[in-house]
C-alpha cells in the first residue's frame, strides 16, 4: 500500500478534541432547553389564567406579554384538535436529526448547536403533548409587524433559532464536497 493511498483512505477522527466539544454542545443543549422549557411552562400553568394577557414585566409590555394558551395543533396553532397524535411527528424529527448528526464531520460547532436546539425544542413539546394532551404556549408578541403572531413557547423558539442557525451556516460556510468513489 502506497503512502498516498493510506493517507486518503483514512477517515478523520470523529471523537477527540473538537469531536468531544461537538458532542458536549449537542447533548448539553438538549437538557438545557428541556429544563428551561418545562420550568417556564410549569410556572405559567401554576400562575397565569388561561387566555388572559399578563404583563409580568411592565417595561417589556410594549414588546412581549405572557398569555397562557393551550395548543392542541401543530406549530403556531395550526390544525387544532389532535393533541397527542402530533407527538409522533417531532419524535420522527428527533430520530432523523440524531441519525443525520452522526454522519456529520466535525466541521462547525454551529451545526451541532443548531441540531441540539431543534432536538431540545421538539422534545419539550413532545413532553407536553404526552403528559397534557396539548402544548403550553405563553410568549405573546405585541409589536408590529408581529402583533397578530401566534403565541409560542421556549421550545418553539429553540426550534426556530436552531433552524435559522442551520440555514445561516449552510449559506455562509464553504464545505468541501466529499470525494466520490469511482
N, C-alpha and C. Protein backbone atom coordinates (compact mmCIF):
# COMPACT_ATOMS: atom_id res chain seq x y z
N UNK A 1 0.86 -1.17 0.00
CA UNK A 1 0.00 0.00 0.00
C UNK A 1 0.90 1.23 0.00
N UNK A 2 0.60 2.15 -0.89
CA UNK A 2 1.41 3.35 -1.00
C UNK A 2 1.03 4.34 0.09
N UNK A 3 1.94 5.29 0.35
CA UNK A 3 1.69 6.32 1.36
C UNK A 3 0.49 7.16 0.96
N UNK A 4 0.37 7.47 -0.32
CA UNK A 4 -0.75 8.28 -0.80
C UNK A 4 -2.08 7.58 -0.56
N UNK A 5 -2.15 6.30 -0.83
CA UNK A 5 -3.39 5.56 -0.62
C UNK A 5 -3.74 5.49 0.85
N UNK A 6 -2.74 5.30 1.72
CA UNK A 6 -3.05 5.19 3.14
C UNK A 6 -3.53 6.52 3.72
N UNK A 7 -3.03 7.64 3.22
CA UNK A 7 -3.47 8.95 3.72
C UNK A 7 -4.88 9.25 3.26
N UNK A 8 -5.20 8.97 2.03
CA UNK A 8 -6.53 9.31 1.52
C UNK A 8 -7.61 8.36 2.00
N UNK A 9 -7.22 7.15 2.40
CA UNK A 9 -8.21 6.17 2.85
C UNK A 9 -8.56 6.30 4.33
N UNK A 10 -7.79 7.10 5.06
CA UNK A 10 -8.02 7.25 6.49
C UNK A 10 -9.09 8.32 6.71
N UNK A 11 -10.08 7.98 7.52
CA UNK A 11 -11.11 8.96 7.86
C UNK A 11 -10.63 9.82 9.01
N UNK A 12 -11.06 11.06 9.02
CA UNK A 12 -10.74 11.95 10.14
C UNK A 12 -11.45 11.43 11.38
N UNK A 13 -10.79 11.50 12.51
CA UNK A 13 -11.43 11.01 13.74
C UNK A 13 -12.66 11.84 14.08
N UNK A 14 -13.72 11.15 14.48
CA UNK A 14 -14.95 11.85 14.83
C UNK A 14 -14.97 12.19 16.32
N UNK A 15 -14.28 11.41 17.12
CA UNK A 15 -14.27 11.65 18.56
C UNK A 15 -12.86 12.10 18.95
N UNK A 16 -12.79 13.11 19.75
CA UNK A 16 -11.49 13.61 20.19
C UNK A 16 -11.42 15.10 19.91
N UNK A 17 -10.91 15.85 20.85
CA UNK A 17 -10.76 17.28 20.67
C UNK A 17 -12.06 17.96 20.28
N UNK A 18 -12.12 18.39 19.05
CA UNK A 18 -13.28 19.10 18.53
C UNK A 18 -14.53 18.21 18.51
N UNK A 19 -14.35 16.90 18.30
CA UNK A 19 -15.48 15.97 18.30
C UNK A 19 -16.17 15.91 19.65
N UNK A 20 -15.39 15.92 20.71
CA UNK A 20 -15.98 15.91 22.06
C UNK A 20 -16.72 17.21 22.33
N UNK A 21 -16.16 18.31 21.86
CA UNK A 21 -16.83 19.59 22.02
C UNK A 21 -18.17 19.59 21.27
N UNK A 22 -18.18 19.01 20.08
CA UNK A 22 -19.42 18.90 19.31
C UNK A 22 -20.46 18.10 20.08
N UNK A 23 -20.03 17.00 20.67
CA UNK A 23 -20.96 16.18 21.45
C UNK A 23 -21.45 16.94 22.67
N UNK A 24 -20.56 17.64 23.34
CA UNK A 24 -20.94 18.42 24.52
C UNK A 24 -21.96 19.50 24.15
N UNK A 25 -21.72 20.17 23.06
CA UNK A 25 -22.65 21.22 22.62
C UNK A 25 -24.01 20.61 22.28
N UNK A 26 -24.01 19.56 21.47
CA UNK A 26 -25.27 18.94 21.04
C UNK A 26 -26.03 18.35 22.24
N UNK A 27 -25.36 17.46 22.98
CA UNK A 27 -26.04 16.78 24.08
C UNK A 27 -26.24 17.68 25.30
N UNK A 28 -25.48 18.75 25.42
CA UNK A 28 -25.69 19.70 26.51
C UNK A 28 -26.85 20.63 26.25
N UNK A 29 -27.06 20.98 24.99
CA UNK A 29 -28.13 21.90 24.64
C UNK A 29 -29.51 21.26 24.87
N UNK A 30 -29.63 19.98 24.65
CA UNK A 30 -30.93 19.30 24.77
C UNK A 30 -31.49 19.43 26.19
N UNK A 31 -30.77 19.00 27.25
CA UNK A 31 -31.35 19.16 28.59
C UNK A 31 -31.50 20.61 29.01
N UNK A 32 -30.61 21.48 28.54
CA UNK A 32 -30.73 22.90 28.88
C UNK A 32 -32.06 23.46 28.37
N UNK A 33 -32.38 23.18 27.13
CA UNK A 33 -33.66 23.64 26.55
C UNK A 33 -34.83 22.96 27.24
N UNK A 34 -34.73 21.65 27.49
CA UNK A 34 -35.82 20.93 28.15
C UNK A 34 -36.12 21.50 29.54
N UNK A 35 -35.10 21.74 30.33
CA UNK A 35 -35.31 22.26 31.68
C UNK A 35 -35.90 23.67 31.63
N UNK A 36 -35.33 24.53 30.81
CA UNK A 36 -35.84 25.89 30.68
C UNK A 36 -37.29 25.89 30.18
N UNK A 37 -37.56 25.08 29.18
CA UNK A 37 -38.91 25.00 28.60
C UNK A 37 -39.92 24.47 29.62
N UNK A 38 -39.62 23.35 30.24
CA UNK A 38 -40.57 22.74 31.16
C UNK A 38 -40.74 23.57 32.43
N UNK A 39 -39.69 24.22 32.89
CA UNK A 39 -39.80 25.08 34.08
C UNK A 39 -40.69 26.29 33.79
N UNK A 40 -40.53 26.91 32.64
CA UNK A 40 -41.37 28.07 32.32
C UNK A 40 -42.82 27.64 32.12
N UNK A 41 -43.04 26.50 31.50
CA UNK A 41 -44.41 26.01 31.30
C UNK A 41 -45.07 25.66 32.63
N UNK A 42 -44.32 25.07 33.55
CA UNK A 42 -44.87 24.76 34.88
C UNK A 42 -45.25 26.05 35.61
N UNK A 43 -44.40 27.07 35.51
CA UNK A 43 -44.70 28.35 36.15
C UNK A 43 -45.95 28.97 35.53
N UNK A 44 -46.05 28.94 34.21
CA UNK A 44 -47.21 29.53 33.51
C UNK A 44 -48.50 28.84 33.93
N UNK A 45 -48.52 27.51 33.92
CA UNK A 45 -49.75 26.79 34.27
C UNK A 45 -50.15 27.00 35.72
N UNK A 46 -49.17 27.24 36.60
CA UNK A 46 -49.47 27.45 38.01
C UNK A 46 -49.85 28.89 38.33
N UNK A 47 -49.44 29.85 37.50
CA UNK A 47 -49.59 31.26 37.88
C UNK A 47 -50.42 32.13 36.95
N UNK A 48 -50.70 31.68 35.75
CA UNK A 48 -51.44 32.53 34.81
C UNK A 48 -52.80 31.92 34.49
N UNK A 49 -53.76 32.81 34.30
CA UNK A 49 -55.10 32.38 33.89
C UNK A 49 -55.09 32.14 32.38
N UNK A 50 -55.85 31.16 31.97
CA UNK A 50 -55.94 30.81 30.56
C UNK A 50 -56.48 31.98 29.74
N UNK A 51 -55.84 32.30 28.66
CA UNK A 51 -56.23 33.33 27.69
C UNK A 51 -56.22 34.76 28.23
N UNK A 52 -55.60 35.00 29.36
CA UNK A 52 -55.58 36.34 29.95
C UNK A 52 -54.18 36.95 29.79
N UNK A 53 -54.01 37.91 28.85
CA UNK A 53 -52.68 38.53 28.67
C UNK A 53 -52.23 39.20 29.96
N UNK A 54 -51.00 38.92 30.35
CA UNK A 54 -50.45 39.44 31.59
C UNK A 54 -49.11 40.10 31.31
N UNK A 55 -48.92 41.28 31.86
CA UNK A 55 -47.65 41.98 31.72
C UNK A 55 -46.85 41.77 33.00
N UNK A 56 -46.11 40.70 33.05
CA UNK A 56 -45.33 40.36 34.23
C UNK A 56 -44.22 41.38 34.46
N UNK A 57 -43.62 41.80 33.37
CA UNK A 57 -42.58 42.83 33.42
C UNK A 57 -43.13 44.03 32.66
N UNK A 58 -43.62 45.06 33.37
CA UNK A 58 -44.25 46.20 32.70
C UNK A 58 -43.36 46.86 31.64
N UNK A 59 -42.07 46.92 31.88
CA UNK A 59 -41.15 47.53 30.91
C UNK A 59 -41.07 46.73 29.62
N UNK A 60 -41.47 45.45 29.65
CA UNK A 60 -41.44 44.58 28.48
C UNK A 60 -42.77 44.57 27.72
N UNK A 61 -43.81 45.16 28.32
CA UNK A 61 -45.17 45.12 27.77
C UNK A 61 -45.29 45.63 26.33
N UNK A 62 -44.58 46.67 25.94
CA UNK A 62 -44.73 47.10 24.54
C UNK A 62 -44.21 46.06 23.53
N UNK A 63 -43.41 45.13 24.01
CA UNK A 63 -42.82 44.13 23.12
C UNK A 63 -43.43 42.75 23.33
N UNK A 64 -43.62 42.36 24.59
CA UNK A 64 -43.98 40.98 24.91
C UNK A 64 -44.89 40.91 26.13
N UNK A 65 -45.95 40.13 26.02
CA UNK A 65 -46.81 39.81 27.15
C UNK A 65 -46.78 38.29 27.34
N UNK A 66 -47.35 37.85 28.45
CA UNK A 66 -47.46 36.43 28.72
C UNK A 66 -48.94 36.06 28.69
N UNK A 67 -49.30 35.19 27.77
CA UNK A 67 -50.69 34.75 27.62
C UNK A 67 -50.70 33.24 27.57
N UNK A 68 -51.29 32.62 28.59
CA UNK A 68 -51.36 31.16 28.67
C UNK A 68 -52.38 30.65 27.67
N UNK A 69 -51.91 29.82 26.73
CA UNK A 69 -52.76 29.23 25.68
C UNK A 69 -52.46 27.75 25.61
N UNK A 70 -53.49 26.95 25.39
CA UNK A 70 -53.32 25.50 25.21
C UNK A 70 -53.39 25.20 23.71
N UNK A 71 -52.30 24.76 23.16
CA UNK A 71 -52.21 24.49 21.73
C UNK A 71 -52.36 22.99 21.49
N UNK A 72 -53.47 22.59 20.88
CA UNK A 72 -53.67 21.18 20.54
C UNK A 72 -53.34 20.91 19.08
N UNK A 73 -52.82 21.93 18.40
CA UNK A 73 -52.47 21.77 17.00
C UNK A 73 -50.98 21.60 16.81
N UNK A 74 -50.55 21.86 15.61
CA UNK A 74 -49.11 21.81 15.30
C UNK A 74 -48.53 23.19 15.53
N UNK A 75 -47.41 23.48 14.94
CA UNK A 75 -46.72 24.75 15.15
C UNK A 75 -47.64 25.93 14.90
N UNK A 76 -47.54 26.91 15.78
CA UNK A 76 -48.27 28.17 15.68
C UNK A 76 -49.78 27.98 15.67
N UNK A 77 -50.26 26.92 16.32
CA UNK A 77 -51.69 26.72 16.49
C UNK A 77 -52.44 26.21 15.28
N UNK A 78 -51.75 25.81 14.24
CA UNK A 78 -52.42 25.28 13.05
C UNK A 78 -52.95 23.88 13.31
N UNK A 79 -54.01 23.50 12.62
CA UNK A 79 -54.59 22.15 12.65
C UNK A 79 -54.89 21.69 14.08
N UNK A 80 -55.72 22.43 14.78
CA UNK A 80 -56.07 22.14 16.16
C UNK A 80 -56.83 20.83 16.32
N UNK A 81 -56.62 20.17 17.46
CA UNK A 81 -57.51 19.11 17.86
C UNK A 81 -56.95 17.71 17.98
N UNK A 82 -55.75 17.43 17.50
CA UNK A 82 -55.27 16.06 17.56
C UNK A 82 -54.31 15.80 18.71
N UNK A 83 -53.95 16.82 19.47
CA UNK A 83 -53.16 16.69 20.70
C UNK A 83 -52.04 15.68 20.66
N UNK A 84 -52.25 14.53 21.30
CA UNK A 84 -51.20 13.52 21.45
C UNK A 84 -50.78 12.91 20.10
N UNK A 85 -51.66 12.92 19.12
CA UNK A 85 -51.31 12.36 17.82
C UNK A 85 -50.16 13.13 17.17
N UNK A 86 -50.07 14.43 17.48
CA UNK A 86 -48.99 15.24 16.91
C UNK A 86 -47.65 14.96 17.57
N UNK A 87 -47.60 14.15 18.60
CA UNK A 87 -46.33 13.82 19.24
C UNK A 87 -45.47 12.95 18.35
N UNK A 88 -46.08 12.24 17.41
CA UNK A 88 -45.31 11.34 16.55
C UNK A 88 -44.40 12.09 15.58
N UNK A 89 -44.85 13.21 15.04
CA UNK A 89 -44.05 13.97 14.09
C UNK A 89 -42.74 14.47 14.70
N UNK A 90 -42.77 15.14 15.86
CA UNK A 90 -41.50 15.58 16.45
C UNK A 90 -40.59 14.42 16.84
N UNK A 91 -41.15 13.30 17.26
CA UNK A 91 -40.32 12.13 17.59
C UNK A 91 -39.58 11.67 16.34
N UNK A 92 -40.27 11.67 15.21
CA UNK A 92 -39.62 11.32 13.95
C UNK A 92 -38.52 12.31 13.59
N UNK A 93 -38.77 13.59 13.85
CA UNK A 93 -37.76 14.62 13.58
C UNK A 93 -36.54 14.40 14.47
N UNK A 94 -36.77 14.11 15.74
CA UNK A 94 -35.66 13.88 16.68
C UNK A 94 -34.81 12.69 16.22
N UNK A 95 -35.45 11.61 15.85
CA UNK A 95 -34.72 10.43 15.38
C UNK A 95 -33.93 10.75 14.12
N UNK A 96 -34.55 11.48 13.20
CA UNK A 96 -33.86 11.85 11.96
C UNK A 96 -32.66 12.75 12.23
N UNK A 97 -32.82 13.72 13.13
CA UNK A 97 -31.72 14.64 13.45
C UNK A 97 -30.56 13.90 14.09
N UNK A 98 -30.86 13.02 15.05
CA UNK A 98 -29.79 12.26 15.71
C UNK A 98 -29.07 11.37 14.70
N UNK A 99 -29.81 10.73 13.82
CA UNK A 99 -29.19 9.89 12.79
C UNK A 99 -28.36 10.75 11.84
N UNK A 100 -28.90 11.88 11.40
CA UNK A 100 -28.21 12.79 10.49
C UNK A 100 -26.95 13.33 11.13
N UNK A 101 -27.04 13.72 12.40
CA UNK A 101 -25.90 14.31 13.10
C UNK A 101 -24.73 13.35 13.19
N UNK A 102 -25.02 12.07 13.34
CA UNK A 102 -23.95 11.07 13.44
C UNK A 102 -23.13 10.98 12.16
N UNK A 103 -23.71 11.38 11.05
CA UNK A 103 -23.00 11.30 9.78
C UNK A 103 -22.22 12.58 9.46
N UNK A 104 -22.35 13.59 10.32
CA UNK A 104 -21.67 14.86 10.06
C UNK A 104 -20.20 14.79 10.41
N UNK A 105 -19.36 15.42 9.60
CA UNK A 105 -17.98 15.58 10.01
C UNK A 105 -17.91 16.65 11.10
N UNK A 106 -16.83 16.65 11.83
CA UNK A 106 -16.67 17.67 12.86
C UNK A 106 -16.13 18.91 12.16
N UNK A 107 -17.03 19.70 11.59
CA UNK A 107 -16.64 20.86 10.80
C UNK A 107 -16.94 22.14 11.55
N UNK A 108 -18.14 22.28 11.99
CA UNK A 108 -18.53 23.52 12.63
C UNK A 108 -19.40 23.23 13.85
N UNK A 109 -19.14 23.98 14.89
CA UNK A 109 -19.91 23.81 16.12
C UNK A 109 -21.32 24.37 15.96
N UNK A 110 -21.52 25.29 15.02
CA UNK A 110 -22.83 25.89 14.80
C UNK A 110 -23.86 24.85 14.39
N UNK A 111 -23.46 23.89 13.59
CA UNK A 111 -24.40 22.84 13.16
C UNK A 111 -24.82 22.01 14.36
N UNK A 112 -23.87 21.64 15.20
CA UNK A 112 -24.20 20.82 16.36
C UNK A 112 -25.05 21.60 17.36
N UNK A 113 -24.76 22.90 17.52
CA UNK A 113 -25.59 23.76 18.37
C UNK A 113 -27.01 23.83 17.82
N UNK A 114 -27.15 24.07 16.53
CA UNK A 114 -28.48 24.20 15.93
C UNK A 114 -29.27 22.91 16.06
N UNK A 115 -28.63 21.78 15.85
CA UNK A 115 -29.34 20.50 15.96
C UNK A 115 -29.72 20.20 17.41
N UNK A 116 -28.89 20.60 18.36
CA UNK A 116 -29.25 20.45 19.78
C UNK A 116 -30.45 21.30 20.15
N UNK A 117 -30.52 22.52 19.61
CA UNK A 117 -31.68 23.38 19.84
C UNK A 117 -32.95 22.76 19.26
N UNK A 118 -32.86 22.23 18.05
CA UNK A 118 -34.03 21.63 17.40
C UNK A 118 -34.51 20.41 18.19
N UNK A 119 -33.60 19.54 18.58
CA UNK A 119 -33.99 18.34 19.32
C UNK A 119 -34.56 18.71 20.69
N UNK A 120 -33.89 19.62 21.41
CA UNK A 120 -34.40 20.04 22.72
C UNK A 120 -35.79 20.65 22.63
N UNK A 121 -36.00 21.51 21.63
CA UNK A 121 -37.31 22.12 21.45
C UNK A 121 -38.38 21.12 21.06
N UNK A 122 -38.04 20.23 20.15
CA UNK A 122 -39.01 19.21 19.73
C UNK A 122 -39.41 18.32 20.91
N UNK A 123 -38.43 17.90 21.69
CA UNK A 123 -38.73 17.05 22.85
C UNK A 123 -39.54 17.80 23.92
N UNK A 124 -39.28 19.09 24.08
CA UNK A 124 -40.06 19.88 25.05
C UNK A 124 -41.54 19.88 24.72
N UNK A 125 -41.86 20.02 23.45
CA UNK A 125 -43.27 20.00 23.05
C UNK A 125 -43.85 18.58 23.05
N UNK A 126 -43.02 17.58 22.77
CA UNK A 126 -43.49 16.19 22.84
C UNK A 126 -43.88 15.85 24.28
N UNK A 127 -43.08 16.28 25.23
CA UNK A 127 -43.40 16.03 26.64
C UNK A 127 -44.77 16.63 26.99
N UNK A 128 -45.02 17.86 26.54
CA UNK A 128 -46.33 18.48 26.78
C UNK A 128 -47.46 17.65 26.18
N UNK A 129 -47.30 17.27 24.95
CA UNK A 129 -48.37 16.53 24.26
C UNK A 129 -48.66 15.20 24.95
N UNK A 130 -47.61 14.51 25.39
CA UNK A 130 -47.81 13.21 26.03
C UNK A 130 -48.38 13.35 27.44
N UNK A 131 -47.93 14.34 28.19
CA UNK A 131 -48.39 14.50 29.57
C UNK A 131 -49.71 15.25 29.69
N UNK A 132 -49.90 16.27 28.85
CA UNK A 132 -51.07 17.13 28.99
C UNK A 132 -52.09 16.95 27.87
N UNK A 133 -51.65 16.48 26.72
CA UNK A 133 -52.54 16.38 25.56
C UNK A 133 -52.56 17.67 24.75
N UNK A 134 -51.77 18.66 25.16
CA UNK A 134 -51.65 19.94 24.46
C UNK A 134 -50.29 20.54 24.81
N UNK A 135 -49.90 21.55 24.07
CA UNK A 135 -48.65 22.27 24.33
C UNK A 135 -48.99 23.59 25.02
N UNK A 136 -48.25 23.90 26.07
CA UNK A 136 -48.43 25.17 26.77
C UNK A 136 -47.65 26.24 26.01
N UNK A 137 -48.36 27.23 25.51
CA UNK A 137 -47.75 28.39 24.85
C UNK A 137 -48.02 29.60 25.72
N UNK A 138 -47.10 30.57 25.72
CA UNK A 138 -47.29 31.72 26.60
C UNK A 138 -46.59 33.00 26.15
N UNK A 139 -45.68 32.96 25.21
CA UNK A 139 -44.99 34.16 24.76
C UNK A 139 -45.83 34.84 23.69
N UNK A 140 -46.28 36.04 23.97
CA UNK A 140 -47.22 36.76 23.12
C UNK A 140 -46.58 38.08 22.67
N UNK A 141 -46.21 38.17 21.40
CA UNK A 141 -45.51 39.34 20.86
C UNK A 141 -46.51 40.47 20.62
N UNK A 142 -46.12 41.70 21.04
CA UNK A 142 -47.03 42.84 20.97
C UNK A 142 -46.65 43.92 19.97
N UNK A 143 -45.58 43.80 19.25
CA UNK A 143 -45.16 44.89 18.38
C UNK A 143 -45.38 44.55 16.91
N UNK A 144 -45.58 45.61 16.12
CA UNK A 144 -45.79 45.44 14.69
C UNK A 144 -44.47 45.01 14.08
N UNK A 145 -44.42 44.14 13.15
CA UNK A 145 -45.49 43.50 12.37
C UNK A 145 -45.94 42.18 12.97
N UNK A 146 -45.51 41.87 14.19
CA UNK A 146 -45.82 40.56 14.79
C UNK A 146 -46.97 40.61 15.78
N UNK A 147 -47.75 41.69 15.76
CA UNK A 147 -48.83 41.86 16.72
C UNK A 147 -49.83 40.68 16.68
N UNK A 148 -50.07 40.13 15.52
CA UNK A 148 -51.02 39.02 15.42
C UNK A 148 -50.30 37.67 15.29
N UNK A 149 -49.03 37.63 15.65
CA UNK A 149 -48.25 36.40 15.62
C UNK A 149 -48.81 35.42 16.65
N UNK A 150 -48.89 34.14 16.34
CA UNK A 150 -49.41 33.18 17.33
C UNK A 150 -48.55 33.13 18.59
N UNK A 151 -49.17 32.81 19.70
CA UNK A 151 -48.47 32.65 20.97
C UNK A 151 -47.58 31.41 20.86
N UNK A 152 -46.39 31.48 21.46
CA UNK A 152 -45.43 30.38 21.34
C UNK A 152 -44.73 30.17 22.67
N UNK A 153 -43.73 29.29 22.71
CA UNK A 153 -43.03 28.98 23.96
C UNK A 153 -41.52 28.86 23.73
N UNK A 154 -40.79 28.50 24.77
CA UNK A 154 -39.33 28.37 24.69
C UNK A 154 -38.94 27.27 23.70
N UNK A 155 -39.65 26.16 23.72
CA UNK A 155 -39.34 25.05 22.81
C UNK A 155 -39.50 25.48 21.36
N UNK A 156 -40.58 26.18 21.05
CA UNK A 156 -40.78 26.69 19.69
C UNK A 156 -39.64 27.62 19.29
N UNK A 157 -39.25 28.49 20.22
CA UNK A 157 -38.16 29.43 19.96
C UNK A 157 -36.86 28.69 19.67
N UNK A 158 -36.58 27.65 20.45
CA UNK A 158 -35.35 26.87 20.25
C UNK A 158 -35.33 26.22 18.87
N UNK A 159 -36.46 25.67 18.45
CA UNK A 159 -36.54 25.05 17.12
C UNK A 159 -36.29 26.09 16.03
N UNK A 160 -36.96 27.23 16.13
CA UNK A 160 -36.82 28.27 15.11
C UNK A 160 -35.38 28.80 15.08
N UNK A 161 -34.81 29.09 16.24
CA UNK A 161 -33.43 29.58 16.28
C UNK A 161 -32.47 28.53 15.73
N UNK A 162 -32.69 27.26 16.08
CA UNK A 162 -31.85 26.18 15.56
C UNK A 162 -31.91 26.09 14.05
N UNK A 163 -33.09 26.18 13.48
CA UNK A 163 -33.23 26.12 12.02
C UNK A 163 -32.57 27.33 11.36
N UNK A 164 -32.73 28.51 11.95
CA UNK A 164 -32.10 29.72 11.39
C UNK A 164 -30.57 29.59 11.42
N UNK A 165 -30.02 29.11 12.53
CA UNK A 165 -28.57 28.91 12.62
C UNK A 165 -28.11 27.91 11.56
N UNK A 166 -28.85 26.84 11.40
CA UNK A 166 -28.50 25.82 10.41
C UNK A 166 -28.52 26.40 9.00
N UNK A 167 -29.53 27.20 8.69
CA UNK A 167 -29.61 27.83 7.36
C UNK A 167 -28.48 28.83 7.15
N UNK A 168 -28.18 29.64 8.16
CA UNK A 168 -27.08 30.60 8.04
C UNK A 168 -25.75 29.88 7.87
N UNK A 169 -25.55 28.80 8.61
CA UNK A 169 -24.32 28.03 8.47
C UNK A 169 -24.20 27.46 7.06
N UNK A 170 -25.30 26.93 6.55
CA UNK A 170 -25.27 26.36 5.20
C UNK A 170 -25.00 27.44 4.16
N UNK A 171 -25.50 28.63 4.39
CA UNK A 171 -25.35 29.72 3.43
C UNK A 171 -23.95 30.33 3.47
N UNK A 172 -23.38 30.47 4.67
CA UNK A 172 -22.12 31.19 4.81
C UNK A 172 -20.87 30.31 4.91
N UNK A 173 -21.03 29.02 5.07
CA UNK A 173 -19.87 28.14 5.21
C UNK A 173 -19.62 27.39 3.92
N UNK A 174 -18.37 27.42 3.49
CA UNK A 174 -17.98 26.66 2.30
C UNK A 174 -17.47 25.29 2.75
N UNK A 175 -18.25 24.28 2.46
CA UNK A 175 -17.84 22.92 2.76
C UNK A 175 -17.26 22.29 1.52
N UNK A 176 -16.18 21.53 1.69
CA UNK A 176 -15.62 20.81 0.57
C UNK A 176 -16.49 19.59 0.33
N UNK A 177 -16.73 19.32 -0.92
CA UNK A 177 -17.52 18.17 -1.28
C UNK A 177 -16.70 16.91 -1.06
N UNK A 178 -17.30 15.90 -0.46
CA UNK A 178 -16.61 14.64 -0.23
C UNK A 178 -16.33 13.97 -1.56
N UNK A 179 -15.13 13.40 -1.70
CA UNK A 179 -14.83 12.71 -2.97
C UNK A 179 -15.71 11.48 -3.12
N UNK A 180 -16.13 11.25 -4.34
CA UNK A 180 -16.97 10.08 -4.61
C UNK A 180 -16.10 8.94 -5.09
N UNK A 181 -16.47 7.76 -4.73
CA UNK A 181 -15.74 6.58 -5.20
C UNK A 181 -16.11 6.32 -6.66
N UNK A 182 -15.12 6.15 -7.47
CA UNK A 182 -15.37 5.93 -8.90
C UNK A 182 -15.03 4.52 -9.26
